[in-house]
Amino acid sequence: TLKKTTLSQIKIGDAVNIETDIIVKTIKKQLEKILP
């Protein structure tokens, strides 16, 4: 990841954009398994 992205160039305090759609979809699927 560090070689193929600019992730290694960020510093503490820099603004970053984090794509959360995959995380949210995963959490939703897990919750659907345990909640009615």
Protein backbone atom coordinates (compact mmCIF):
# COMPACT_ATOMS: atom_id res chain seq x y z
CA THR A 1 0.00 0.00 0.00
CA LEU A 2 2.74 2.46 0.87
CA LYS A 3 4.52 1.90 -2.45
CA LYS A 4 1.38 2.28 -4.58
CA THR A 5 -0.27 5.22 -2.81
CA THR A 6 0.65 8.55 -1.25
CA LEU A 7 -0.06 7.18 2.23
CA SER A 8 3.61 7.31 3.16
CA GLN A 9 3.68 11.07 2.47
CA ILE A 10 1.04 12.16 4.97
CA LYS A 11 2.00 13.77 8.25
CA ILE A 12 0.24 14.10 11.59
CA GLY A 13 -2.43 16.74 11.20
CA ASP A 14 -2.90 16.28 7.44
CA ALA A 15 -6.47 15.92 6.21
CA VAL A 16 -7.21 12.54 4.67
CA ASN A 17 -10.18 11.08 2.84
CA ILE A 18 -11.19 7.66 4.10
CA GLU A 19 -13.63 5.64 2.03
CA THR A 20 -16.01 4.09 4.52
CA ASP A 21 -18.55 2.45 2.22
CA ILE A 22 -16.92 -0.99 2.37
CA ILE A 23 -16.60 -0.82 6.17
CA VAL A 24 -20.25 0.21 6.54
CA LYS A 25 -21.43 -2.57 4.21
CA THR A 26 -19.47 -5.15 6.20
CA ILE A 27 -20.84 -3.92 9.53
CA LYS A 28 -24.38 -3.88 8.11
CA LYS A 29 -24.09 -7.49 6.94
CA GLN A 30 -22.79 -8.62 10.32
CA LEU A 31 -25.55 -6.79 12.19
CA GLU A 32 -28.20 -8.30 9.92
CA LYS A 33 -26.97 -11.74 10.97
CA ILE A 34 -27.45 -11.09 14.70
CA LEU A 35 -30.41 -8.67 14.78
CA PRO A 36 -33.94 -9.55 13.74
